[in-house]
PDB file of all heavy atoms in Angstrom:
ATOM      1  N   GLU A   1     -14.425  37.714  42.165  1.00  0.00           N
ATOM      2  CA  GLU A   1     -13.458  38.125  43.137  1.00  0.00           C
ATOM      3  C   GLU A   1     -12.331  38.858  42.434  1.00  0.00           C
ATOM      4  O   GLU A   1     -11.811  39.879  42.926  1.00  0.00           O
ATOM      5  CB  GLU A   1     -12.927  36.865  43.883  1.00  0.00           C
ATOM      6  CG  GLU A   1     -11.946  37.230  45.022  1.00  0.00           C
ATOM      7  CD  GLU A   1     -12.628  37.946  46.158  1.00  0.00           C
ATOM      8  OE1 GLU A   1     -13.825  37.880  46.291  1.00  0.00           O
ATOM      9  OE2 GLU A   1     -11.889  38.698  46.829  1.00  0.00           O
ATOM     10  N   ALA A   2     -11.928  38.284  41.197  1.00  0.00           N
ATOM     11  CA  ALA A   2     -10.820  38.932  40.474  1.00  0.00           C
ATOM     12  C   ALA A   2     -11.282  40.291  39.983  1.00  0.00           C
ATOM     13  O   ALA A   2     -10.428  41.216  39.957  1.00  0.00           O
ATOM     14  CB  ALA A   2     -10.512  38.010  39.278  1.00  0.00           C
ATOM     15  N   GLN A   3     -12.568  40.412  39.679  1.00  0.00           N
ATOM     16  CA  GLN A   3     -13.051  41.736  39.190  1.00  0.00           C
ATOM     17  C   GLN A   3     -12.977  42.747  40.335  1.00  0.00           C
ATOM     18  O   GLN A   3     -12.625  43.904  40.141  1.00  0.00           O
ATOM     19  CB  GLN A   3     -14.479  41.607  38.698  1.00  0.00           C
ATOM     20  CG  GLN A   3     -14.605  40.878  37.314  1.00  0.00           C
ATOM     21  CD  GLN A   3     -15.999  40.684  36.935  1.00  0.00           C
ATOM     22  OE1 GLN A   3     -16.931  40.684  37.690  1.00  0.00           O
ATOM     23  NE2 GLN A   3     -16.203  40.456  35.633  1.00  0.00           N
ATOM     24  N   LYS A   4     -13.328  42.202  41.513  1.00  0.00           N
ATOM     25  CA  LYS A   4     -13.232  43.121  42.685  1.00  0.00           C
ATOM     26  C   LYS A   4     -11.786  43.504  42.957  1.00  0.00           C
ATOM     27  O   LYS A   4     -11.423  44.641  43.203  1.00  0.00           O
ATOM     28  CB  LYS A   4     -13.754  42.394  43.916  1.00  0.00           C
ATOM     29  CG  LYS A   4     -15.293  42.215  43.924  1.00  0.00           C
ATOM     30  CD  LYS A   4     -15.776  41.478  45.197  1.00  0.00           C
ATOM     31  CE  LYS A   4     -17.251  41.287  45.217  1.00  0.00           C
ATOM     32  NZ  LYS A   4     -17.696  40.535  46.456  1.00  0.00           N
ATOM     33  N   GLN A   5     -10.911  42.452  42.886  1.00  0.00           N
ATOM     34  CA  GLN A   5      -9.459  42.694  43.079  1.00  0.00           C
ATOM     35  C   GLN A   5      -8.929  43.586  41.977  1.00  0.00           C
ATOM     36  O   GLN A   5      -8.108  44.476  42.244  1.00  0.00           O
ATOM     37  CB  GLN A   5      -8.678  41.357  43.084  1.00  0.00           C
ATOM     38  CG  GLN A   5      -8.997  40.435  44.188  1.00  0.00           C
ATOM     39  CD  GLN A   5      -8.489  41.031  45.538  1.00  0.00           C
ATOM     40  OE1 GLN A   5      -7.511  41.758  45.588  1.00  0.00           O
ATOM     41  NE2 GLN A   5      -9.204  40.700  46.625  1.00  0.00           N
ATOM     42  N   LEU A   6      -9.425  43.377  40.737  1.00  0.00           N
ATOM     43  CA  LEU A   6      -8.943  44.221  39.610  1.00  0.00           C
ATOM     44  C   LEU A   6      -9.369  45.654  39.837  1.00  0.00           C
ATOM     45  O   LEU A   6      -8.623  46.549  39.533  1.00  0.00           O
ATOM     46  CB  LEU A   6      -9.505  43.602  38.292  1.00  0.00           C
ATOM     47  CG  LEU A   6      -9.059  44.343  37.001  1.00  0.00           C
ATOM     48  CD1 LEU A   6      -7.562  44.185  36.855  1.00  0.00           C
ATOM     49  CD2 LEU A   6      -9.731  43.752  35.774  1.00  0.00           C
ATOM     50  N   LEU A   7     -10.621  45.845  40.284  1.00  0.00           N
ATOM     51  CA  LEU A   7     -11.060  47.139  40.525  1.00  0.00           C
ATOM     52  C   LEU A   7     -10.281  47.802  41.611  1.00  0.00           C
ATOM     53  O   LEU A   7      -9.830  48.986  41.509  1.00  0.00           O
ATOM     54  CB  LEU A   7     -12.563  47.069  40.961  1.00  0.00           C
ATOM     55  CG  LEU A   7     -13.275  48.455  41.206  1.00  0.00           C
ATOM     56  CD1 LEU A   7     -13.317  49.258  39.908  1.00  0.00           C
ATOM     57  CD2 LEU A   7     -14.712  48.220  41.669  1.00  0.00           C
ATOM     58  N   LEU A   8      -9.967  47.020  42.681  1.00  0.00           N
ATOM     59  CA  LEU A   8      -9.135  47.516  43.786  1.00  0.00           C
ATOM     60  C   LEU A   8      -7.732  47.784  43.263  1.00  0.00           C
ATOM     61  O   LEU A   8      -7.152  48.824  43.582  1.00  0.00           O
ATOM     62  CB  LEU A   8      -9.155  46.525  44.939  1.00  0.00           C
ATOM     63  CG  LEU A   8      -8.258  46.874  46.153  1.00  0.00           C
ATOM     64  CD1 LEU A   8      -8.880  48.189  46.769  1.00  0.00           C
ATOM     65  CD2 LEU A   8      -8.293  45.747  47.175  1.00  0.00           C
ATOM     66  N   TYR A   9      -7.242  46.820  42.410  1.00  0.00           N
ATOM     67  CA  TYR A   9      -5.939  46.963  41.903  1.00  0.00           C
ATOM     68  C   TYR A   9      -5.867  48.214  40.977  1.00  0.00           C
ATOM     69  O   TYR A   9      -4.819  48.967  40.911  1.00  0.00           O
ATOM     70  CB  TYR A   9      -5.501  45.723  41.092  1.00  0.00           C
ATOM     71  CG  TYR A   9      -4.186  45.832  40.353  1.00  0.00           C
ATOM     72  CD1 TYR A   9      -2.996  45.770  41.091  1.00  0.00           C
ATOM     73  CD2 TYR A   9      -4.102  46.036  39.002  1.00  0.00           C
ATOM     74  CE1 TYR A   9      -1.812  45.875  40.404  1.00  0.00           C
ATOM     75  CE2 TYR A   9      -2.941  46.123  38.351  1.00  0.00           C
ATOM     76  CZ  TYR A   9      -1.731  46.089  39.101  1.00  0.00           C
ATOM     77  OH  TYR A   9      -0.580  46.190  38.426  1.00  0.00           O
ATOM     78  N   SER A  10      -6.921  48.396  40.180  1.00  0.00           N
ATOM     79  CA  SER A  10      -7.016  49.521  39.299  1.00  0.00           C
ATOM     80  C   SER A  10      -6.858  50.826  40.063  1.00  0.00           C
ATOM     81  O   SER A  10      -6.188  51.786  39.720  1.00  0.00           O
ATOM     82  CB  SER A  10      -8.288  49.515  38.461  1.00  0.00           C
ATOM     83  OG  SER A  10      -8.353  50.581  37.608  1.00  0.00           O
ATOM     84  N   GLU A  11      -7.658  50.892  41.209  1.00  0.00           N
ATOM     85  CA  GLU A  11      -7.567  52.062  42.044  1.00  0.00           C
ATOM     86  C   GLU A  11      -6.162  52.256  42.619  1.00  0.00           C
ATOM     87  O   GLU A  11      -5.624  53.336  42.612  1.00  0.00           O
ATOM     88  CB  GLU A  11      -8.591  51.943  43.200  1.00  0.00           C
ATOM     89  CG  GLU A  11     -10.046  51.928  42.681  1.00  0.00           C
ATOM     90  CD  GLU A  11     -11.077  51.746  43.784  1.00  0.00           C
ATOM     91  OE1 GLU A  11     -10.578  51.423  44.925  1.00  0.00           O
ATOM     92  OE2 GLU A  11     -12.252  51.766  43.583  1.00  0.00           O
ATOM     93  N   ASN A  12      -5.609  51.122  43.123  1.00  0.00           N
ATOM     94  CA  ASN A  12      -4.208  51.149  43.659  1.00  0.00           C
ATOM     95  C   ASN A  12      -3.224  51.531  42.548  1.00  0.00           C
ATOM     96  O   ASN A  12      -2.251  52.197  42.849  1.00  0.00           O
ATOM     97  CB  ASN A  12      -3.878  49.841  44.311  1.00  0.00           C
ATOM     98  CG  ASN A  12      -4.643  49.521  45.516  1.00  0.00           C
ATOM     99  OD1 ASN A  12      -5.165  50.438  46.151  1.00  0.00           O
ATOM    100  ND2 ASN A  12      -4.806  48.218  45.848  1.00  0.00           N
ATOM    101  N   LEU A  13      -3.535  50.995  41.308  1.00  0.00           N
ATOM    102  CA  LEU A  13      -2.586  51.245  40.216  1.00  0.00           C
ATOM    103  C   LEU A  13      -2.613  52.729  39.860  1.00  0.00           C
ATOM    104  O   LEU A  13      -1.555  53.307  39.571  1.00  0.00           O
ATOM    105  CB  LEU A  13      -3.012  50.381  39.013  1.00  0.00           C
ATOM    106  CG  LEU A  13      -2.103  50.503  37.762  1.00  0.00           C
ATOM    107  CD1 LEU A  13      -0.654  50.005  38.134  1.00  0.00           C
ATOM    108  CD2 LEU A  13      -2.670  49.733  36.601  1.00  0.00           C
ATOM    109  N   GLU A  14      -3.800  53.267  39.877  1.00  0.00           N
ATOM    110  CA  GLU A  14      -3.867  54.703  39.581  1.00  0.00           C
ATOM    111  C   GLU A  14      -3.075  55.535  40.618  1.00  0.00           C
ATOM    112  O   GLU A  14      -2.365  56.441  40.272  1.00  0.00           O
ATOM    113  CB  GLU A  14      -5.309  55.168  39.562  1.00  0.00           C
ATOM    114  CG  GLU A  14      -6.128  54.647  38.422  1.00  0.00           C
ATOM    115  CD  GLU A  14      -7.580  55.096  38.450  1.00  0.00           C
ATOM    116  OE1 GLU A  14      -7.936  55.882  39.358  1.00  0.00           O
ATOM    117  OE2 GLU A  14      -8.333  54.734  37.574  1.00  0.00           O
ATOM    118  N   HIS A  15      -3.202  55.106  41.851  1.00  0.00           N
ATOM    119  CA  HIS A  15      -2.508  55.720  42.943  1.00  0.00           C
ATOM    120  C   HIS A  15      -0.993  55.531  42.731  1.00  0.00           C
ATOM    121  O   HIS A  15      -0.193  56.452  42.938  1.00  0.00           O
ATOM    122  CB  HIS A  15      -2.960  55.229  44.276  1.00  0.00           C
ATOM    123  CG  HIS A  15      -2.160  55.757  45.430  1.00  0.00           C
ATOM    124  ND1 HIS A  15      -2.293  57.080  45.896  1.00  0.00           N
ATOM    125  CD2 HIS A  15      -1.245  55.166  46.246  1.00  0.00           C
ATOM    126  CE1 HIS A  15      -1.450  57.249  46.857  1.00  0.00           C
ATOM    127  NE2 HIS A  15      -0.797  56.106  47.158  1.00  0.00           N
ATOM    128  N   GLU A  16      -0.672  54.259  42.394  1.00  0.00           N
ATOM    129  CA  GLU A  16       0.764  53.941  42.195  1.00  0.00           C
ATOM    130  C   GLU A  16       1.329  54.635  40.997  1.00  0.00           C
ATOM    131  O   GLU A  16       2.476  55.115  40.999  1.00  0.00           O
ATOM    132  CB  GLU A  16       0.912  52.409  42.003  1.00  0.00           C
ATOM    133  CG  GLU A  16       2.324  51.919  42.062  1.00  0.00           C
ATOM    134  CD  GLU A  16       2.956  52.013  43.408  1.00  0.00           C
ATOM    135  OE1 GLU A  16       2.252  52.115  44.423  1.00  0.00           O
ATOM    136  OE2 GLU A  16       4.181  52.033  43.490  1.00  0.00           O
ATOM    137  N   ILE A  17       0.518  54.785  39.924  1.00  0.00           N
ATOM    138  CA  ILE A  17       0.960  55.504  38.710  1.00  0.00           C
ATOM    139  C   ILE A  17       1.240  56.944  39.033  1.00  0.00           C
ATOM    140  O   ILE A  17       2.242  57.529  38.653  1.00  0.00           O
ATOM    141  CB  ILE A  17      -0.104  55.342  37.584  1.00  0.00           C
ATOM    142  CG1 ILE A  17      -0.034  53.968  37.035  1.00  0.00           C
ATOM    143  CG2 ILE A  17       0.190  56.361  36.460  1.00  0.00           C
ATOM    144  CD1 ILE A  17      -1.183  53.644  36.020  1.00  0.00           C
ATOM    145  N   ASP A  18       0.286  57.530  39.852  1.00  0.00           N
ATOM    146  CA  ASP A  18       0.540  58.907  40.213  1.00  0.00           C
ATOM    147  C   ASP A  18       1.775  59.013  41.049  1.00  0.00           C
ATOM    148  O   ASP A  18       2.575  59.963  40.859  1.00  0.00           O
ATOM    149  CB  ASP A  18      -0.719  59.375  41.100  1.00  0.00           C
ATOM    150  CG  ASP A  18      -1.967  59.546  40.286  1.00  0.00           C
ATOM    151  OD1 ASP A  18      -1.795  59.649  39.042  1.00  0.00           O
ATOM    152  OD2 ASP A  18      -3.083  59.502  40.835  1.00  0.00           O
ATOM    153  N   LYS A  19       1.939  58.031  41.985  1.00  0.00           N
ATOM    154  CA  LYS A  19       3.168  58.075  42.761  1.00  0.00           C
ATOM    155  C   LYS A  19       4.420  57.879  41.918  1.00  0.00           C
ATOM    156  O   LYS A  19       5.385  58.652  42.091  1.00  0.00           O
ATOM    157  CB  LYS A  19       3.111  56.918  43.820  1.00  0.00           C
ATOM    158  CG  LYS A  19       4.248  56.879  44.834  1.00  0.00           C
ATOM    159  CD  LYS A  19       4.035  55.781  45.819  1.00  0.00           C
ATOM    160  CE  LYS A  19       5.283  55.665  46.726  1.00  0.00           C
ATOM    161  NZ  LYS A  19       5.121  54.474  47.667  1.00  0.00           N
ATOM    162  N   LYS A  20       4.385  56.879  41.022  1.00  0.00           N
ATOM    163  CA  LYS A  20       5.542  56.622  40.177  1.00  0.00           C
ATOM    164  C   LYS A  20       5.734  57.829  39.195  1.00  0.00           C
ATOM    165  O   LYS A  20       6.973  58.137  38.918  1.00  0.00           O
ATOM    166  CB  LYS A  20       5.344  55.405  39.352  1.00  0.00           C
ATOM    167  CG  LYS A  20       5.334  54.093  40.206  1.00  0.00           C
ATOM    168  CD  LYS A  20       6.682  53.827  40.796  1.00  0.00           C
ATOM    169  CE  LYS A  20       6.692  52.509  41.622  1.00  0.00           C
ATOM    170  NZ  LYS A  20       7.958  52.306  42.310  1.00  0.00           N
ATOM    171  N   THR A  21       4.679  58.422  38.759  1.00  0.00           N
ATOM    172  CA  THR A  21       4.848  59.627  37.885  1.00  0.00           C
ATOM    173  C   THR A  21       5.539  60.718  38.647  1.00  0.00           C
ATOM    174  O   THR A  21       6.489  61.354  38.053  1.00  0.00           O
ATOM    175  CB  THR A  21       3.443  60.107  37.431  1.00  0.00           C
ATOM    176  OG1 THR A  21       2.804  59.028  36.685  1.00  0.00           O
ATOM    177  CG2 THR A  21       3.610  61.256  36.471  1.00  0.00           C
ATOM    178  N   GLN A  22       5.168  60.902  39.871  1.00  0.00           N
ATOM    179  CA  GLN A  22       5.803  61.892  40.696  1.00  0.00           C
ATOM    180  C   GLN A  22       7.289  61.538  40.939  1.00  0.00           C
ATOM    181  O   GLN A  22       8.170  62.406  40.856  1.00  0.00           O
ATOM    182  CB  GLN A  22       5.126  62.107  42.091  1.00  0.00           C
ATOM    183  CG  GLN A  22       3.704  62.662  41.917  1.00  0.00           C
ATOM    184  CD  GLN A  22       2.933  62.670  43.233  1.00  0.00           C
ATOM    185  OE1 GLN A  22       3.505  62.318  44.264  1.00  0.00           O
ATOM    186  NE2 GLN A  22       1.708  63.068  43.187  1.00  0.00           N
ATOM    187  N   GLU A  23       7.512  60.243  41.188  1.00  0.00           N
ATOM    188  CA  GLU A  23       8.878  59.745  41.373  1.00  0.00           C
ATOM    189  C   GLU A  23       9.716  59.908  40.087  1.00  0.00           C
ATOM    190  O   GLU A  23      10.844  60.363  40.150  1.00  0.00           O
ATOM    191  CB  GLU A  23       8.866  58.309  41.833  1.00  0.00           C
ATOM    192  CG  GLU A  23       8.377  58.094  43.215  1.00  0.00           C
ATOM    193  CD  GLU A  23       8.313  56.642  43.604  1.00  0.00           C
ATOM    194  OE1 GLU A  23       8.729  55.816  42.715  1.00  0.00           O
ATOM    195  OE2 GLU A  23       7.935  56.312  44.752  1.00  0.00           O
ATOM    196  N   LEU A  24       9.071  59.567  38.958  1.00  0.00           N
ATOM    197  CA  LEU A  24       9.740  59.723  37.664  1.00  0.00           C
ATOM    198  C   LEU A  24      10.057  61.150  37.382  1.00  0.00           C
ATOM    199  O   LEU A  24      11.131  61.519  36.933  1.00  0.00           O
ATOM    200  CB  LEU A  24       8.868  59.064  36.573  1.00  0.00           C
ATOM    201  CG  LEU A  24       9.505  59.063  35.179  1.00  0.00           C
ATOM    202  CD1 LEU A  24      10.816  58.256  35.154  1.00  0.00           C
ATOM    203  CD2 LEU A  24       8.550  58.475  34.168  1.00  0.00           C
ATOM    204  N   HIS A  25       9.059  62.021  37.651  1.00  0.00           N
ATOM    205  CA  HIS A  25       9.224  63.455  37.439  1.00  0.00           C
ATOM    206  C   HIS A  25      10.419  63.900  38.282  1.00  0.00           C
ATOM    207  O   HIS A  25      11.285  64.713  37.816  1.00  0.00           O
ATOM    208  CB  HIS A  25       7.995  64.165  37.752  1.00  0.00           C
ATOM    209  CG  HIS A  25       8.053  65.657  37.496  1.00  0.00           C
ATOM    210  ND1 HIS A  25       8.587  66.537  38.372  1.00  0.00           N
ATOM    211  CD2 HIS A  25       7.686  66.336  36.345  1.00  0.00           C
ATOM    212  CE1 HIS A  25       8.545  67.740  37.821  1.00  0.00           C
ATOM    213  NE2 HIS A  25       7.976  67.636  36.612  1.00  0.00           N
ATOM    214  N   LYS A  26      10.402  63.391  39.523  1.00  0.00           N
ATOM    215  CA  LYS A  26      11.525  63.849  40.428  1.00  0.00           C
ATOM    216  C   LYS A  26      12.872  63.273  39.886  1.00  0.00           C
ATOM    217  O   LYS A  26      13.850  64.040  39.921  1.00  0.00           O
ATOM    218  CB  LYS A  26      11.254  63.231  41.845  1.00  0.00           C
ATOM    219  CG  LYS A  26      12.283  63.686  42.852  1.00  0.00           C
ATOM    220  CD  LYS A  26      11.874  63.166  44.246  1.00  0.00           C
ATOM    221  CE  LYS A  26      12.920  63.644  45.294  1.00  0.00           C
ATOM    222  NZ  LYS A  26      12.580  63.152  46.660  1.00  0.00           N
ATOM    223  N   LYS A  27      12.915  62.045  39.385  1.00  0.00           N
ATOM    224  CA  LYS A  27      14.126  61.516  38.849  1.00  0.00           C
ATOM    225  C   LYS A  27      14.552  62.288  37.614  1.00  0.00           C
ATOM    226  O   LYS A  27      15.796  62.493  37.405  1.00  0.00           O
ATOM    227  CB  LYS A  27      13.984  59.995  38.558  1.00  0.00           C
ATOM    228  CG  LYS A  27      13.947  59.118  39.772  1.00  0.00           C
ATOM    229  CD  LYS A  27      13.818  57.661  39.347  1.00  0.00           C
ATOM    230  CE  LYS A  27      13.778  56.803  40.585  1.00  0.00           C
ATOM    231  NZ  LYS A  27      13.633  55.310  40.217  1.00  0.00           N
ATOM    232  N   ILE A  28      13.611  62.630  36.791  1.00  0.00           N
ATOM    233  CA  ILE A  28      13.905  63.294  35.522  1.00  0.00           C
ATOM    234  C   ILE A  28      14.382  64.722  35.811  1.00  0.00           C
ATOM    235  O   ILE A  28      15.300  65.207  35.152  1.00  0.00           O
ATOM    236  CB  ILE A  28      12.702  63.288  34.616  1.00  0.00           C
ATOM    237  CG1 ILE A  28      12.450  61.806  34.152  1.00  0.00           C
ATOM    238  CG2 ILE A  28      12.972  64.158  33.361  1.00  0.00           C
ATOM    239  CD1 ILE A  28      11.217  61.682  33.288  1.00  0.00           C
ATOM    240  N   TYR A  29      13.729  65.368  36.724  1.00  0.00           N
ATOM    241  CA  TYR A  29      13.970  66.780  36.944  1.00  0.00           C
ATOM    242  C   TYR A  29      14.742  67.180  38.176  1.00  0.00           C
ATOM    243  O   TYR A  29      14.888  68.293  38.515  1.00  0.00           O
ATOM    244  CB  TYR A  29      12.688  67.559  36.877  1.00  0.00           C
ATOM    245  CG  TYR A  29      12.036  67.493  35.543  1.00  0.00           C
ATOM    246  CD1 TYR A  29      10.912  66.610  35.311  1.00  0.00           C
ATOM    247  CD2 TYR A  29      12.451  68.263  34.473  1.00  0.00           C
ATOM    248  CE1 TYR A  29      10.298  66.518  34.070  1.00  0.00           C
ATOM    249  CE2 TYR A  29      11.806  68.228  33.217  1.00  0.00           C
ATOM    250  CZ  TYR A  29      10.800  67.286  33.029  1.00  0.00           C
ATOM    251  OH  TYR A  29      10.195  67.247  31.782  1.00  0.00           O
ATOM    252  N   THR A  30      15.202  66.131  38.969  1.00  0.00           N
ATOM    253  CA  THR A  30      15.870  66.390  40.229  1.00  0.00           C
ATOM    254  C   THR A  30      17.179  65.577  40.282  1.00  0.00           C
ATOM    255  O   THR A  30      17.137  64.418  39.920  1.00  0.00           O
ATOM    256  CB  THR A  30      14.972  66.029  41.437  1.00  0.00           C
ATOM    257  OG1 THR A  30      13.741  66.735  41.352  1.00  0.00           O
ATOM    258  CG2 THR A  30      15.617  66.413  42.736  1.00  0.00           C
ATOM    259  N   ASN A  31      18.203  66.179  40.752  1.00  0.00           N
ATOM    260  CA  ASN A  31      19.476  65.486  40.924  1.00  0.00           C
ATOM    261  C   ASN A  31      19.315  64.578  42.166  1.00  0.00           C
ATOM    262  O   ASN A  31      18.885  64.978  43.187  1.00  0.00           O
ATOM    263  CB  ASN A  31      20.590  66.468  41.137  1.00  0.00           C
ATOM    264  CG  ASN A  31      21.980  65.767  41.222  1.00  0.00           C
ATOM    265  OD1 ASN A  31      22.297  65.315  42.241  1.00  0.00           O
ATOM    266  ND2 ASN A  31      22.624  65.728  40.116  1.00  0.00           N
ATOM    267  N   PHE A  32      19.687  63.279  41.974  1.00  0.00           N
ATOM    268  CA  PHE A  32      19.541  62.275  43.026  1.00  0.00           C
ATOM    269  C   PHE A  32      20.403  62.528  44.215  1.00  0.00           C
ATOM    270  O   PHE A  32      20.007  62.104  45.341  1.00  0.00           O
ATOM    271  CB  PHE A  32      19.786  60.884  42.416  1.00  0.00           C
ATOM    272  CG  PHE A  32      21.251  60.579  42.200  1.00  0.00           C
ATOM    273  CD1 PHE A  32      21.954  59.844  43.188  1.00  0.00           C
ATOM    274  CD2 PHE A  32      21.847  61.035  41.036  1.00  0.00           C
ATOM    275  CE1 PHE A  32      23.322  59.537  42.945  1.00  0.00           C
ATOM    276  CE2 PHE A  32      23.222  60.721  40.885  1.00  0.00           C
ATOM    277  CZ  PHE A  32      23.932  59.983  41.838  1.00  0.00           C
ATOM    278  N   LEU A  33      21.522  63.221  44.084  1.00  0.00           N
ATOM    279  CA  LEU A  33      22.418  63.432  45.190  1.00  0.00           C
ATOM    280  C   LEU A  33      21.976  64.641  46.002  1.00  0.00           C
ATOM    281  O   LEU A  33      21.860  64.579  47.283  1.00  0.00           O
ATOM    282  CB  LEU A  33      23.814  63.676  44.712  1.00  0.00           C
ATOM    283  CG  LEU A  33      24.757  62.490  44.590  1.00  0.00           C
ATOM    284  CD1 LEU A  33      26.176  62.918  44.111  1.00  0.00           C
ATOM    285  CD2 LEU A  33      24.912  61.740  45.912  1.00  0.00           C
ATOM    286  N   SER A  34      21.738  65.776  45.307  1.00  0.00           N
ATOM    287  CA  SER A  34      21.442  67.032  46.050  1.00  0.00           C
ATOM    288  C   SER A  34      20.010  67.337  46.223  1.00  0.00           C
ATOM    289  O   SER A  34      19.614  68.212  46.983  1.00  0.00           O
ATOM    290  CB  SER A  34      22.144  68.205  45.296  1.00  0.00           C
ATOM    291  OG  SER A  34      21.582  68.291  43.978  1.00  0.00           O
ATOM    292  N   ALA A  35      19.101  66.632  45.477  1.00  0.00           N
ATOM    293  CA  ALA A  35      17.643  66.939  45.446  1.00  0.00           C
ATOM    294  C   ALA A  35      17.396  68.304  44.888  1.00  0.00           C
ATOM    295  O   ALA A  35      16.234  68.797  44.987  1.00  0.00           O
ATOM    296  CB  ALA A  35      17.050  66.780  46.827  1.00  0.00           C
ATOM    297  N   LEU A  36      18.375  68.908  44.196  1.00  0.00           N
ATOM    298  CA  LEU A  36      18.167  70.204  43.505  1.00  0.00           C
ATOM    299  C   LEU A  36      17.662  69.958  42.083  1.00  0.00           C
ATOM    300  O   LEU A  36      17.814  68.876  41.528  1.00  0.00           O
ATOM    301  CB  LEU A  36      19.452  71.003  43.471  1.00  0.00           C
ATOM    302  CG  LEU A  36      20.003  71.523  44.751  1.00  0.00           C
ATOM    303  CD1 LEU A  36      21.437  72.104  44.497  1.00  0.00           C
ATOM    304  CD2 LEU A  36      19.102  72.587  45.322  1.00  0.00           C
ATOM    305  N   PRO A  37      17.019  70.913  41.491  1.00  0.00           N
ATOM    306  CA  PRO A  37      16.619  70.772  40.067  1.00  0.00           C
ATOM    307  C   PRO A  37      17.848  70.512  39.198  1.00  0.00           C
ATOM    308  O   PRO A  37      18.895  71.087  39.469  1.00  0.00           O
ATOM    309  CB  PRO A  37      15.985  72.137  39.757  1.00  0.00           C
ATOM    310  CG  PRO A  37      15.571  72.706  41.049  1.00  0.00           C
ATOM    311  CD  PRO A  37      16.520  72.201  42.059  1.00  0.00           C
ATOM    312  N   ASN A  38      17.696  69.633  38.216  1.00  0.00           N
ATOM    313  CA  ASN A  38      18.827  69.234  37.429  1.00  0.00           C
ATOM    314  C   ASN A  38      18.843  69.870  36.058  1.00  0.00           C
ATOM    315  O   ASN A  38      18.113  70.792  35.823  1.00  0.00           O
ATOM    316  CB  ASN A  38      18.897  67.671  37.292  1.00  0.00           C
ATOM    317  CG  ASN A  38      17.653  67.101  36.587  1.00  0.00           C
ATOM    318  OD1 ASN A  38      16.870  67.875  36.066  1.00  0.00           O
ATOM    319  ND2 ASN A  38      17.488  65.770  36.645  1.00  0.00           N
ATOM    320  N   ARG A  39      19.673  69.298  35.191  1.00  0.00           N
ATOM    321  CA  ARG A  39      19.840  69.911  33.823  1.00  0.00           C
ATOM    322  C   ARG A  39      18.529  69.906  33.099  1.00  0.00           C
ATOM    323  O   ARG A  39      18.160  70.852  32.414  1.00  0.00           O
ATOM    324  CB  ARG A  39      20.904  69.085  33.033  1.00  0.00           C
ATOM    325  CG  ARG A  39      21.136  69.607  31.649  1.00  0.00           C
ATOM    326  CD  ARG A  39      22.093  68.719  30.871  1.00  0.00           C
ATOM    327  NE  ARG A  39      23.467  68.738  31.454  1.00  0.00           N
ATOM    328  CZ  ARG A  39      24.422  69.597  31.097  1.00  0.00           C
ATOM    329  NH1 ARG A  39      24.154  70.518  30.152  1.00  0.00           N
ATOM    330  NH2 ARG A  39      25.555  69.559  31.664  1.00  0.00           N
ATOM    331  N   ASN A  40      17.761  68.776  33.163  1.00  0.00           N
ATOM    332  CA  ASN A  40      16.509  68.696  32.484  1.00  0.00           C
ATOM    333  C   ASN A  40      15.550  69.792  32.930  1.00  0.00           C
ATOM    334  O   ASN A  40      14.827  70.429  32.168  1.00  0.00           O
ATOM    335  CB  ASN A  40      15.848  67.350  32.688  1.00  0.00           C
ATOM    336  CG  ASN A  40      16.617  66.179  32.049  1.00  0.00           C
ATOM    337  OD1 ASN A  40      17.253  66.421  30.966  1.00  0.00           O
ATOM    338  ND2 ASN A  40      16.616  65.044  32.630  1.00  0.00           N
ATOM    339  N   SER A  41      15.523  70.029  34.250  1.00  0.00           N
ATOM    340  CA  SER A  41      14.696  71.074  34.810  1.00  0.00           C
ATOM    341  C   SER A  41      15.142  72.439  34.296  1.00  0.00           C
ATOM    342  O   SER A  41      14.268  73.291  33.996  1.00  0.00           O
ATOM    343  CB  SER A  41      14.718  71.011  36.341  1.00  0.00           C
ATOM    344  OG  SER A  41      13.917  71.973  36.891  1.00  0.00           O
TER     345      SER A  41
END
């Protein structure tokens, strides 16, 4: 069951990682107030 859950979690994790990567990219390269590209960008 754990293997099934782990497999499911792994799939969810990949999705979450992609999501977090996008969020992190947004945080790194976008100003949180204006949503415009920031200094890093």
